[in-house]
C-alpha cells in the first residue's frame, strides 16, 4: 500500500519433498500442505 497498492500478486511459495506414503508423517504432510496450498490461499485472500 505504501507504493501504490497491489495490482498484481504472484504466488510462488511452495515446499516439496520425497517420502513414501507409508512412511509419511502427519508433520511432513501438514508442512507441505500449509506452505504450498494454504499459503497460496492466504495470499489469494
ModelCIF file with pLDDT and N, C-alpha, C, O atoms, coordinates in Angstrom:
data_MODEL
#
_entry.id   MODEL 
#
_entity.id                         1 
_entity.type                       polymer 
_entity.pdbx_number_of_molecules   1 
#
_entity_poly.entity_id                      1 
_entity_poly.type                           'polypeptide(L)' 
_entity_poly.nstd_linkage                   no 
_entity_poly.nstd_monomer                   no 
_entity_poly.pdbx_seq_one_letter_code       
;(UNK)(UNK)(UNK)(UNK)(UNK)(UNK)(UNK)(UNK)(UNK)(UNK)(UNK)(UNK)(UNK)(UNK)(UNK)(UNK)
(UNK)(UNK)(UNK)(UNK)(UNK)(UNK)(UNK)(UNK)(UNK)(UNK)(UNK)(UNK)(UNK)(UNK)(UNK)(UNK)
(UNK)(UNK)(UNK)(UNK)(UNK)(UNK)(UNK)(UNK)(UNK)(UNK)(UNK)(UNK)(UNK)
;
_entity_poly.pdbx_seq_one_letter_code_can   XXXXXXXXXXXXXXXXXXXXXXXXXXXXXXXXXXXXXXXXXXXXX 
_entity_poly.pdbx_strand_id                 A 
#
loop_
_entity_poly_seq.entity_id 
_entity_poly_seq.num 
_entity_poly_seq.mon_id 
_entity_poly_seq.hetero 
1 1  UNK n 
1 2  UNK n 
1 3  UNK n 
1 4  UNK n 
1 5  UNK n 
1 6  UNK n 
1 7  UNK n 
1 8  UNK n 
1 9  UNK n 
1 10 UNK n 
1 11 UNK n 
1 12 UNK n 
1 13 UNK n 
1 14 UNK n 
1 15 UNK n 
1 16 UNK n 
1 17 UNK n 
1 18 UNK n 
1 19 UNK n 
1 20 UNK n 
1 21 UNK n 
1 22 UNK n 
1 23 UNK n 
1 24 UNK n 
1 25 UNK n 
1 26 UNK n 
1 27 UNK n 
1 28 UNK n 
1 29 UNK n 
1 30 UNK n 
1 31 UNK n 
1 32 UNK n 
1 33 UNK n 
1 34 UNK n 
1 35 UNK n 
1 36 UNK n 
1 37 UNK n 
1 38 UNK n 
1 39 UNK n 
1 40 UNK n 
1 41 UNK n 
1 42 UNK n 
1 43 UNK n 
1 44 UNK n 
1 45 UNK n 
#
_struct_asym.id          A 
_struct_asym.entity_id   1 
#
loop_
_ma_qa_metric.id 
_ma_qa_metric.mode 
_ma_qa_metric.name 
_ma_qa_metric.software_group_id 
_ma_qa_metric.type 
1 global pLDDT . pLDDT 
2 local  pLDDT . pLDDT 
#
_ma_qa_metric_global.metric_id      1 
_ma_qa_metric_global.metric_value   95.96 
_ma_qa_metric_global.model_id       1 
_ma_qa_metric_global.ordinal_id     1 
#
loop_
_ma_qa_metric_local.label_asym_id 
_ma_qa_metric_local.label_comp_id 
_ma_qa_metric_local.label_seq_id 
_ma_qa_metric_local.metric_id 
_ma_qa_metric_local.metric_value 
_ma_qa_metric_local.model_id 
_ma_qa_metric_local.ordinal_id 
A UNK 1  2 91.00 1 1  
A UNK 2  2 87.00 1 2  
A UNK 3  2 86.00 1 3  
A UNK 4  2 87.00 1 4  
A UNK 5  2 92.00 1 5  
A UNK 6  2 96.00 1 6  
A UNK 7  2 97.00 1 7  
A UNK 8  2 98.00 1 8  
A UNK 9  2 98.00 1 9  
A UNK 10 2 98.00 1 10 
A UNK 11 2 98.00 1 11 
A UNK 12 2 96.00 1 12 
A UNK 13 2 96.00 1 13 
A UNK 14 2 94.00 1 14 
A UNK 15 2 93.00 1 15 
A UNK 16 2 90.00 1 16 
A UNK 17 2 90.00 1 17 
A UNK 18 2 91.00 1 18 
A UNK 19 2 96.00 1 19 
A UNK 20 2 97.00 1 20 
A UNK 21 2 97.00 1 21 
A UNK 22 2 98.00 1 22 
A UNK 23 2 98.00 1 23 
A UNK 24 2 98.00 1 24 
A UNK 25 2 98.00 1 25 
A UNK 26 2 98.00 1 26 
A UNK 27 2 98.00 1 27 
A UNK 28 2 98.00 1 28 
A UNK 29 2 98.00 1 29 
A UNK 30 2 98.00 1 30 
A UNK 31 2 98.00 1 31 
A UNK 32 2 97.00 1 32 
A UNK 33 2 98.00 1 33 
A UNK 34 2 98.00 1 34 
A UNK 35 2 98.00 1 35 
A UNK 36 2 97.00 1 36 
A UNK 37 2 98.00 1 37 
A UNK 38 2 98.00 1 38 
A UNK 39 2 98.00 1 39 
A UNK 40 2 98.00 1 40 
A UNK 41 2 98.00 1 41 
A UNK 42 2 98.00 1 42 
A UNK 43 2 98.00 1 43 
A UNK 44 2 98.00 1 44 
A UNK 45 2 98.00 1 45 
#
loop_
_atom_site.group_PDB 
_atom_site.id 
_atom_site.type_symbol 
_atom_site.label_atom_id 
_atom_site.label_alt_id 
_atom_site.label_comp_id 
_atom_site.label_asym_id 
_atom_site.label_entity_id 
_atom_site.label_seq_id 
_atom_site.pdbx_PDB_ins_code 
_atom_site.Cartn_x 
_atom_site.Cartn_y 
_atom_site.Cartn_z 
_atom_site.occupancy 
_atom_site.B_iso_or_equiv 
_atom_site.pdbx_formal_charge 
_atom_site.auth_seq_id 
_atom_site.auth_comp_id 
_atom_site.auth_asym_id 
_atom_site.auth_atom_id 
_atom_site.pdbx_PDB_model_num 
ATOM 1   N N  . UNK A 1 1  ? 0.821  -1.211  0.000  1.00 91.00 ? 1  UNK A N  1 
ATOM 2   C CA . UNK A 1 1  ? 0.000  0.000   0.000  1.00 91.00 ? 1  UNK A CA 1 
ATOM 3   C C  . UNK A 1 1  ? 0.857  1.264   0.000  1.00 91.00 ? 1  UNK A C  1 
ATOM 4   O O  . UNK A 1 1  ? 0.437  2.304   -0.508 1.00 91.00 ? 1  UNK A O  1 
ATOM 5   N N  . UNK A 1 2  ? 2.054  1.173   0.568  1.00 87.00 ? 2  UNK A N  1 
ATOM 6   C CA . UNK A 1 2  ? 2.945  2.330   0.632  1.00 87.00 ? 2  UNK A CA 1 
ATOM 7   C C  . UNK A 1 2  ? 3.479  2.710   -0.748 1.00 87.00 ? 2  UNK A C  1 
ATOM 8   O O  . UNK A 1 2  ? 3.996  3.810   -0.943 1.00 87.00 ? 2  UNK A O  1 
ATOM 9   N N  . UNK A 1 3  ? 3.347  1.781   -1.707 1.00 86.00 ? 3  UNK A N  1 
ATOM 10  C CA . UNK A 1 3  ? 3.879  2.024   -3.050 1.00 86.00 ? 3  UNK A CA 1 
ATOM 11  C C  . UNK A 1 3  ? 2.785  1.920   -4.106 1.00 86.00 ? 3  UNK A C  1 
ATOM 12  O O  . UNK A 1 3  ? 3.013  1.450   -5.221 1.00 86.00 ? 3  UNK A O  1 
ATOM 13  N N  . UNK A 1 4  ? 1.607  2.364   -3.730 1.00 87.00 ? 4  UNK A N  1 
ATOM 14  C CA . UNK A 1 4  ? 0.511  2.408   -4.692 1.00 87.00 ? 4  UNK A CA 1 
ATOM 15  C C  . UNK A 1 4  ? -0.444 1.251   -4.626 1.00 87.00 ? 4  UNK A C  1 
ATOM 16  O O  . UNK A 1 4  ? -1.422 1.224   -5.373 1.00 87.00 ? 4  UNK A O  1 
ATOM 17  N N  . UNK A 1 5  ? -0.196 0.281   -3.750 1.00 92.00 ? 5  UNK A N  1 
ATOM 18  C CA . UNK A 1 5  ? -1.098 -0.853  -3.602 1.00 92.00 ? 5  UNK A CA 1 
ATOM 19  C C  . UNK A 1 5  ? -0.783 -1.995  -4.547 1.00 92.00 ? 5  UNK A C  1 
ATOM 20  O O  . UNK A 1 5  ? -0.024 -1.839  -5.503 1.00 92.00 ? 5  UNK A O  1 
ATOM 21  N N  . UNK A 1 6  ? -1.371 -3.140  -4.268 1.00 96.00 ? 6  UNK A N  1 
ATOM 22  C CA . UNK A 1 6  ? -1.122 -4.328  -5.082 1.00 96.00 ? 6  UNK A CA 1 
ATOM 23  C C  . UNK A 1 6  ? -2.109 -4.373  -6.247 1.00 96.00 ? 6  UNK A C  1 
ATOM 24  O O  . UNK A 1 6  ? -3.322 -4.343  -6.042 1.00 96.00 ? 6  UNK A O  1 
ATOM 25  N N  . UNK A 1 7  ? -1.588 -4.444  -7.454 1.00 97.00 ? 7  UNK A N  1 
ATOM 26  C CA . UNK A 1 7  ? -2.425 -4.659  -8.630 1.00 97.00 ? 7  UNK A CA 1 
ATOM 27  C C  . UNK A 1 7  ? -2.184 -6.040  -9.213 1.00 97.00 ? 7  UNK A C  1 
ATOM 28  O O  . UNK A 1 7  ? -3.036 -6.588  -9.912 1.00 97.00 ? 7  UNK A O  1 
ATOM 29  N N  . UNK A 1 8  ? -1.001 -6.606  -8.916 1.00 98.00 ? 8  UNK A N  1 
ATOM 30  C CA . UNK A 1 8  ? -0.655 -7.962  -9.367 1.00 98.00 ? 8  UNK A CA 1 
ATOM 31  C C  . UNK A 1 8  ? -0.035 -8.699  -8.192 1.00 98.00 ? 8  UNK A C  1 
ATOM 32  O O  . UNK A 1 8  ? 0.867  -8.185  -7.532 1.00 98.00 ? 8  UNK A O  1 
ATOM 33  N N  . UNK A 1 9  ? -0.523 -9.905  -7.935 1.00 98.00 ? 9  UNK A N  1 
ATOM 34  C CA . UNK A 1 9  ? 0.023  -10.759 -6.880 1.00 98.00 ? 9  UNK A CA 1 
ATOM 35  C C  . UNK A 1 9  ? 0.471  -12.066 -7.512 1.00 98.00 ? 9  UNK A C  1 
ATOM 36  O O  . UNK A 1 9  ? -0.327 -12.769 -8.133 1.00 98.00 ? 9  UNK A O  1 
ATOM 37  N N  . UNK A 1 10 ? 1.738  -12.388 -7.356 1.00 98.00 ? 10 UNK A N  1 
ATOM 38  C CA . UNK A 1 10 ? 2.274  -13.619 -7.934 1.00 98.00 ? 10 UNK A CA 1 
ATOM 39  C C  . UNK A 1 10 ? 2.731  -14.515 -6.791 1.00 98.00 ? 10 UNK A C  1 
ATOM 40  O O  . UNK A 1 10 ? 3.623  -14.152 -6.025 1.00 98.00 ? 10 UNK A O  1 
ATOM 41  N N  . UNK A 1 11 ? 2.113  -15.686 -6.683 1.00 98.00 ? 11 UNK A N  1 
ATOM 42  C CA . UNK A 1 11 ? 2.335  -16.598 -5.560 1.00 98.00 ? 11 UNK A CA 1 
ATOM 43  C C  . UNK A 1 11 ? 3.207  -17.778 -5.972 1.00 98.00 ? 11 UNK A C  1 
ATOM 44  O O  . UNK A 1 11 ? 2.778  -18.654 -6.722 1.00 98.00 ? 11 UNK A O  1 
ATOM 45  N N  . UNK A 1 12 ? 4.425  -17.783 -5.473 1.00 96.00 ? 12 UNK A N  1 
ATOM 46  C CA . UNK A 1 12 ? 5.393  -18.825 -5.823 1.00 96.00 ? 12 UNK A CA 1 
ATOM 47  C C  . UNK A 1 12 ? 5.747  -19.755 -4.673 1.00 96.00 ? 12 UNK A C  1 
ATOM 48  O O  . UNK A 1 12 ? 6.341  -20.810 -4.897 1.00 96.00 ? 12 UNK A O  1 
ATOM 49  N N  . UNK A 1 13 ? 5.396  -19.387 -3.455 1.00 96.00 ? 13 UNK A N  1 
ATOM 50  C CA . UNK A 1 13 ? 5.861  -20.153 -2.298 1.00 96.00 ? 13 UNK A CA 1 
ATOM 51  C C  . UNK A 1 13 ? 5.347  -21.582 -2.331 1.00 96.00 ? 13 UNK A C  1 
ATOM 52  O O  . UNK A 1 13 ? 4.160  -21.820 -2.554 1.00 96.00 ? 13 UNK A O  1 
ATOM 53  N N  . UNK A 1 14 ? 6.242  -22.525 -2.108 1.00 94.00 ? 14 UNK A N  1 
ATOM 54  C CA . UNK A 1 14 ? 5.868  -23.927 -2.089 1.00 94.00 ? 14 UNK A CA 1 
ATOM 55  C C  . UNK A 1 14 ? 6.974  -24.763 -1.476 1.00 94.00 ? 14 UNK A C  1 
ATOM 56  O O  . UNK A 1 14 ? 8.123  -24.329 -1.393 1.00 94.00 ? 14 UNK A O  1 
ATOM 57  N N  . UNK A 1 15 ? 6.624  -25.950 -1.054 1.00 93.00 ? 15 UNK A N  1 
ATOM 58  C CA . UNK A 1 15 ? 7.596  -26.866 -0.453 1.00 93.00 ? 15 UNK A CA 1 
ATOM 59  C C  . UNK A 1 15 ? 7.310  -28.271 -0.941 1.00 93.00 ? 15 UNK A C  1 
ATOM 60  O O  . UNK A 1 15 ? 6.166  -28.725 -0.912 1.00 93.00 ? 15 UNK A O  1 
ATOM 61  N N  . UNK A 1 16 ? 8.350  -28.960 -1.391 1.00 90.00 ? 16 UNK A N  1 
ATOM 62  C CA . UNK A 1 16 ? 8.211  -30.338 -1.839 1.00 90.00 ? 16 UNK A CA 1 
ATOM 63  C C  . UNK A 1 16 ? 8.862  -31.301 -0.871 1.00 90.00 ? 16 UNK A C  1 
ATOM 64  O O  . UNK A 1 16 ? 8.977  -31.024 0.323  1.00 90.00 ? 16 UNK A O  1 
ATOM 65  N N  . UNK A 1 17 ? 9.280  -32.417 -1.392 1.00 90.00 ? 17 UNK A N  1 
ATOM 66  C CA . UNK A 1 17 ? 9.885  -33.465 -0.582 1.00 90.00 ? 17 UNK A CA 1 
ATOM 67  C C  . UNK A 1 17 ? 9.564  -34.809 -1.193 1.00 90.00 ? 17 UNK A C  1 
ATOM 68  O O  . UNK A 1 17 ? 8.658  -34.917 -2.020 1.00 90.00 ? 17 UNK A O  1 
ATOM 69  N N  . UNK A 1 18 ? 10.289 -35.826 -0.800 1.00 91.00 ? 18 UNK A N  1 
ATOM 70  C CA . UNK A 1 18 ? 10.079 -37.166 -1.352 1.00 91.00 ? 18 UNK A CA 1 
ATOM 71  C C  . UNK A 1 18 ? 10.009 -38.164 -0.206 1.00 91.00 ? 18 UNK A C  1 
ATOM 72  O O  . UNK A 1 18 ? 10.990 -38.376 0.508  1.00 91.00 ? 18 UNK A O  1 
ATOM 73  N N  . UNK A 1 19 ? 8.847  -38.772 -0.038 1.00 96.00 ? 19 UNK A N  1 
ATOM 74  C CA . UNK A 1 19 ? 8.679  -39.788 1.008  1.00 96.00 ? 19 UNK A CA 1 
ATOM 75  C C  . UNK A 1 19 ? 7.509  -40.698 0.641  1.00 96.00 ? 19 UNK A C  1 
ATOM 76  O O  . UNK A 1 19 ? 6.463  -40.231 0.190  1.00 96.00 ? 19 UNK A O  1 
ATOM 77  N N  . UNK A 1 20 ? 7.697  -41.970 0.836  1.00 97.00 ? 20 UNK A N  1 
ATOM 78  C CA . UNK A 1 20 ? 6.648  -42.950 0.556  1.00 97.00 ? 20 UNK A CA 1 
ATOM 79  C C  . UNK A 1 20 ? 5.447  -42.704 1.453  1.00 97.00 ? 20 UNK A C  1 
ATOM 80  O O  . UNK A 1 20 ? 5.605  -42.355 2.623  1.00 97.00 ? 20 UNK A O  1 
ATOM 81  N N  . UNK A 1 21 ? 4.256  -42.883 0.918  1.00 97.00 ? 21 UNK A N  1 
ATOM 82  C CA . UNK A 1 21 ? 3.030  -42.610 1.669  1.00 97.00 ? 21 UNK A CA 1 
ATOM 83  C C  . UNK A 1 21 ? 2.963  -43.424 2.956  1.00 97.00 ? 21 UNK A C  1 
ATOM 84  O O  . UNK A 1 21 ? 2.379  -42.961 3.935  1.00 97.00 ? 21 UNK A O  1 
ATOM 85  N N  . UNK A 1 22 ? 3.548  -44.635 2.985  1.00 98.00 ? 22 UNK A N  1 
ATOM 86  C CA . UNK A 1 22 ? 3.504  -45.466 4.185  1.00 98.00 ? 22 UNK A CA 1 
ATOM 87  C C  . UNK A 1 22 ? 4.414  -44.946 5.280  1.00 98.00 ? 22 UNK A C  1 
ATOM 88  O O  . UNK A 1 22 ? 4.235  -45.272 6.453  1.00 98.00 ? 22 UNK A O  1 
ATOM 89  N N  . UNK A 1 23 ? 5.388  -44.139 4.897  1.00 98.00 ? 23 UNK A N  1 
ATOM 90  C CA . UNK A 1 23 ? 6.339  -43.603 5.861  1.00 98.00 ? 23 UNK A CA 1 
ATOM 91  C C  . UNK A 1 23 ? 6.108  -42.117 6.150  1.00 98.00 ? 23 UNK A C  1 
ATOM 92  O O  . UNK A 1 23 ? 6.771  -41.545 7.016  1.00 98.00 ? 23 UNK A O  1 
ATOM 93  N N  . UNK A 1 24 ? 5.180  -41.497 5.436  1.00 98.00 ? 24 UNK A N  1 
ATOM 94  C CA . UNK A 1 24 ? 4.921  -40.070 5.578  1.00 98.00 ? 24 UNK A CA 1 
ATOM 95  C C  . UNK A 1 24 ? 4.280  -39.771 6.926  1.00 98.00 ? 24 UNK A C  1 
ATOM 96  O O  . UNK A 1 24 ? 3.295  -40.407 7.301  1.00 98.00 ? 24 UNK A O  1 
ATOM 97  N N  . UNK A 1 25 ? 4.826  -38.818 7.647  1.00 98.00 ? 25 UNK A N  1 
ATOM 98  C CA . UNK A 1 25 ? 4.277  -38.439 8.934  1.00 98.00 ? 25 UNK A CA 1 
ATOM 99  C C  . UNK A 1 25 ? 3.237  -37.330 8.770  1.00 98.00 ? 25 UNK A C  1 
ATOM 100 O O  . UNK A 1 25 ? 3.173  -36.669 7.734  1.00 98.00 ? 25 UNK A O  1 
ATOM 101 N N  . UNK A 1 26 ? 2.438  -37.144 9.797  1.00 98.00 ? 26 UNK A N  1 
ATOM 102 C CA . UNK A 1 26 ? 1.483  -36.040 9.779  1.00 98.00 ? 26 UNK A CA 1 
ATOM 103 C C  . UNK A 1 26 ? 2.204  -34.704 9.635  1.00 98.00 ? 26 UNK A C  1 
ATOM 104 O O  . UNK A 1 26 ? 1.717  -33.799 8.958  1.00 98.00 ? 26 UNK A O  1 
ATOM 105 N N  . UNK A 1 27 ? 3.355  -34.586 10.267 1.00 98.00 ? 27 UNK A N  1 
ATOM 106 C CA . UNK A 1 27 ? 4.106  -33.329 10.201 1.00 98.00 ? 27 UNK A CA 1 
ATOM 107 C C  . UNK A 1 27 ? 4.606  -33.069 8.784  1.00 98.00 ? 27 UNK A C  1 
ATOM 108 O O  . UNK A 1 27 ? 4.520  -31.941 8.299  1.00 98.00 ? 27 UNK A O  1 
ATOM 109 N N  . UNK A 1 28 ? 5.128  -34.100 8.112  1.00 98.00 ? 28 UNK A N  1 
ATOM 110 C CA . UNK A 1 28 ? 5.585  -33.935 6.727  1.00 98.00 ? 28 UNK A CA 1 
ATOM 111 C C  . UNK A 1 28 ? 4.433  -33.548 5.810  1.00 98.00 ? 28 UNK A C  1 
ATOM 112 O O  . UNK A 1 28 ? 4.560  -32.638 4.991  1.00 98.00 ? 28 UNK A O  1 
ATOM 113 N N  . UNK A 1 29 ? 3.314  -34.241 5.953  1.00 98.00 ? 29 UNK A N  1 
ATOM 114 C CA . UNK A 1 29 ? 2.125  -33.925 5.159  1.00 98.00 ? 29 UNK A CA 1 
ATOM 115 C C  . UNK A 1 29 ? 1.668  -32.498 5.447  1.00 98.00 ? 29 UNK A C  1 
ATOM 116 O O  . UNK A 1 29 ? 1.453  -31.714 4.523  1.00 98.00 ? 29 UNK A O  1 
ATOM 117 N N  . UNK A 1 30 ? 1.521  -32.166 6.709  1.00 98.00 ? 30 UNK A N  1 
ATOM 118 C CA . UNK A 1 30 ? 0.982  -30.876 7.099  1.00 98.00 ? 30 UNK A CA 1 
ATOM 119 C C  . UNK A 1 30 ? 1.849  -29.706 6.683  1.00 98.00 ? 30 UNK A C  1 
ATOM 120 O O  . UNK A 1 30 ? 1.331  -28.664 6.282  1.00 98.00 ? 30 UNK A O  1 
ATOM 121 N N  . UNK A 1 31 ? 3.170  -29.862 6.772  1.00 98.00 ? 31 UNK A N  1 
ATOM 122 C CA . UNK A 1 31 ? 4.073  -28.763 6.426  1.00 98.00 ? 31 UNK A CA 1 
ATOM 123 C C  . UNK A 1 31 ? 3.996  -28.431 4.940  1.00 98.00 ? 31 UNK A C  1 
ATOM 124 O O  . UNK A 1 31 ? 3.939  -27.262 4.561  1.00 98.00 ? 31 UNK A O  1 
ATOM 125 N N  . UNK A 1 32 ? 3.994  -29.467 4.101  1.00 97.00 ? 32 UNK A N  1 
ATOM 126 C CA . UNK A 1 32 ? 3.904  -29.244 2.654  1.00 97.00 ? 32 UNK A CA 1 
ATOM 127 C C  . UNK A 1 32 ? 2.566  -28.611 2.286  1.00 97.00 ? 32 UNK A C  1 
ATOM 128 O O  . UNK A 1 32 ? 2.518  -27.678 1.483  1.00 97.00 ? 32 UNK A O  1 
ATOM 129 N N  . UNK A 1 33 ? 1.490  -29.110 2.865  1.00 98.00 ? 33 UNK A N  1 
ATOM 130 C CA . UNK A 1 33 ? 0.166  -28.542 2.575  1.00 98.00 ? 33 UNK A CA 1 
ATOM 131 C C  . UNK A 1 33 ? 0.048  -27.110 3.086  1.00 98.00 ? 33 UNK A C  1 
ATOM 132 O O  . UNK A 1 33 ? -0.557 -26.268 2.423  1.00 98.00 ? 33 UNK A O  1 
ATOM 133 N N  . UNK A 1 34 ? 0.613  -26.827 4.246  1.00 98.00 ? 34 UNK A N  1 
ATOM 134 C CA . UNK A 1 34 ? 0.481  -25.494 4.832  1.00 98.00 ? 34 UNK A CA 1 
ATOM 135 C C  . UNK A 1 34 ? 1.201  -24.438 4.004  1.00 98.00 ? 34 UNK A C  1 
ATOM 136 O O  . UNK A 1 34 ? 0.677  -23.344 3.791  1.00 98.00 ? 34 UNK A O  1 
ATOM 137 N N  . UNK A 1 35 ? 2.394  -24.765 3.542  1.00 98.00 ? 35 UNK A N  1 
ATOM 138 C CA . UNK A 1 35 ? 3.148  -23.792 2.743  1.00 98.00 ? 35 UNK A CA 1 
ATOM 139 C C  . UNK A 1 35 ? 2.583  -23.719 1.317  1.00 98.00 ? 35 UNK A C  1 
ATOM 140 O O  . UNK A 1 35 ? 2.306  -22.632 0.811  1.00 98.00 ? 35 UNK A O  1 
ATOM 141 N N  . UNK A 1 36 ? 2.418  -24.858 0.690  1.00 97.00 ? 36 UNK A N  1 
ATOM 142 C CA . UNK A 1 36 ? 2.118  -24.897 -0.742 1.00 97.00 ? 36 UNK A CA 1 
ATOM 143 C C  . UNK A 1 36 ? 0.670  -24.552 -1.069 1.00 97.00 ? 36 UNK A C  1 
ATOM 144 O O  . UNK A 1 36 ? 0.410  -23.782 -1.993 1.00 97.00 ? 36 UNK A O  1 
ATOM 145 N N  . UNK A 1 37 ? -0.259 -25.108 -0.327 1.00 98.00 ? 37 UNK A N  1 
ATOM 146 C CA . UNK A 1 37 ? -1.678 -24.878 -0.609 1.00 98.00 ? 37 UNK A CA 1 
ATOM 147 C C  . UNK A 1 37 ? -2.277 -23.788 0.273  1.00 98.00 ? 37 UNK A C  1 
ATOM 148 O O  . UNK A 1 37 ? -2.808 -22.799 -0.231 1.00 98.00 ? 37 UNK A O  1 
ATOM 149 N N  . UNK A 1 38 ? -2.193 -23.968 1.585  1.00 98.00 ? 38 UNK A N  1 
ATOM 150 C CA . UNK A 1 38 ? -2.811 -22.984 2.473  1.00 98.00 ? 38 UNK A CA 1 
ATOM 151 C C  . UNK A 1 38 ? -2.088 -21.649 2.389  1.00 98.00 ? 38 UNK A C  1 
ATOM 152 O O  . UNK A 1 38 ? -2.719 -20.600 2.521  1.00 98.00 ? 38 UNK A O  1 
ATOM 153 N N  . UNK A 1 39 ? -0.781 -21.667 2.174  1.00 98.00 ? 39 UNK A N  1 
ATOM 154 C CA . UNK A 1 39 ? -0.041 -20.419 1.994  1.00 98.00 ? 39 UNK A CA 1 
ATOM 155 C C  . UNK A 1 39 ? -0.513 -19.663 0.766  1.00 98.00 ? 39 UNK A C  1 
ATOM 156 O O  . UNK A 1 39 ? -0.639 -18.439 0.791  1.00 98.00 ? 39 UNK A O  1 
ATOM 157 N N  . UNK A 1 40 ? -0.773 -20.396 -0.310 1.00 98.00 ? 40 UNK A N  1 
ATOM 158 C CA . UNK A 1 40 ? -1.300 -19.761 -1.518 1.00 98.00 ? 40 UNK A CA 1 
ATOM 159 C C  . UNK A 1 40 ? -2.686 -19.192 -1.250 1.00 98.00 ? 40 UNK A C  1 
ATOM 160 O O  . UNK A 1 40 ? -3.005 -18.086 -1.687 1.00 98.00 ? 40 UNK A O  1 
ATOM 161 N N  . UNK A 1 41 ? -3.509 -19.952 -0.532 1.00 98.00 ? 41 UNK A N  1 
ATOM 162 C CA . UNK A 1 41 ? -4.838 -19.463 -0.153 1.00 98.00 ? 41 UNK A CA 1 
ATOM 163 C C  . UNK A 1 41 ? -4.744 -18.160 0.639  1.00 98.00 ? 41 UNK A C  1 
ATOM 164 O O  . UNK A 1 41 ? -5.474 -17.208 0.361  1.00 98.00 ? 41 UNK A O  1 
ATOM 165 N N  . UNK A 1 42 ? -3.842 -18.116 1.628  1.00 98.00 ? 42 UNK A N  1 
ATOM 166 C CA . UNK A 1 42 ? -3.705 -16.899 2.432  1.00 98.00 ? 42 UNK A CA 1 
ATOM 167 C C  . UNK A 1 42 ? -3.351 -15.701 1.558  1.00 98.00 ? 42 UNK A C  1 
ATOM 168 O O  . UNK A 1 42 ? -3.863 -14.601 1.761  1.00 98.00 ? 42 UNK A O  1 
ATOM 169 N N  . UNK A 1 43 ? -2.478 -15.922 0.591  1.00 98.00 ? 43 UNK A N  1 
ATOM 170 C CA . UNK A 1 43 ? -2.040 -14.827 -0.280 1.00 98.00 ? 43 UNK A CA 1 
ATOM 171 C C  . UNK A 1 43 ? -3.153 -14.389 -1.229 1.00 98.00 ? 43 UNK A C  1 
ATOM 172 O O  . UNK A 1 43 ? -3.331 -13.196 -1.475 1.00 98.00 ? 43 UNK A O  1 
ATOM 173 N N  . UNK A 1 44 ? -3.904 -15.360 -1.761 1.00 98.00 ? 44 UNK A N  1 
ATOM 174 C CA . UNK A 1 44 ? -5.031 -15.018 -2.635 1.00 98.00 ? 44 UNK A CA 1 
ATOM 175 C C  . UNK A 1 44 ? -6.067 -14.221 -1.855 1.00 98.00 ? 44 UNK A C  1 
ATOM 176 O O  . UNK A 1 44 ? -6.570 -13.206 -2.337 1.00 98.00 ? 44 UNK A O  1 
ATOM 177 N N  . UNK A 1 45 ? -6.383 -14.679 -0.658 1.00 98.00 ? 45 UNK A N  1 
ATOM 178 C CA . UNK A 1 45 ? -7.370 -13.983 0.167  1.00 98.00 ? 45 UNK A CA 1 
ATOM 179 C C  . UNK A 1 45 ? -6.916 -12.567 0.502  1.00 98.00 ? 45 UNK A C  1 
ATOM 180 O O  . UNK A 1 45 ? -7.628 -11.837 1.191  1.00 98.00 ? 45 UNK A O  1 
#
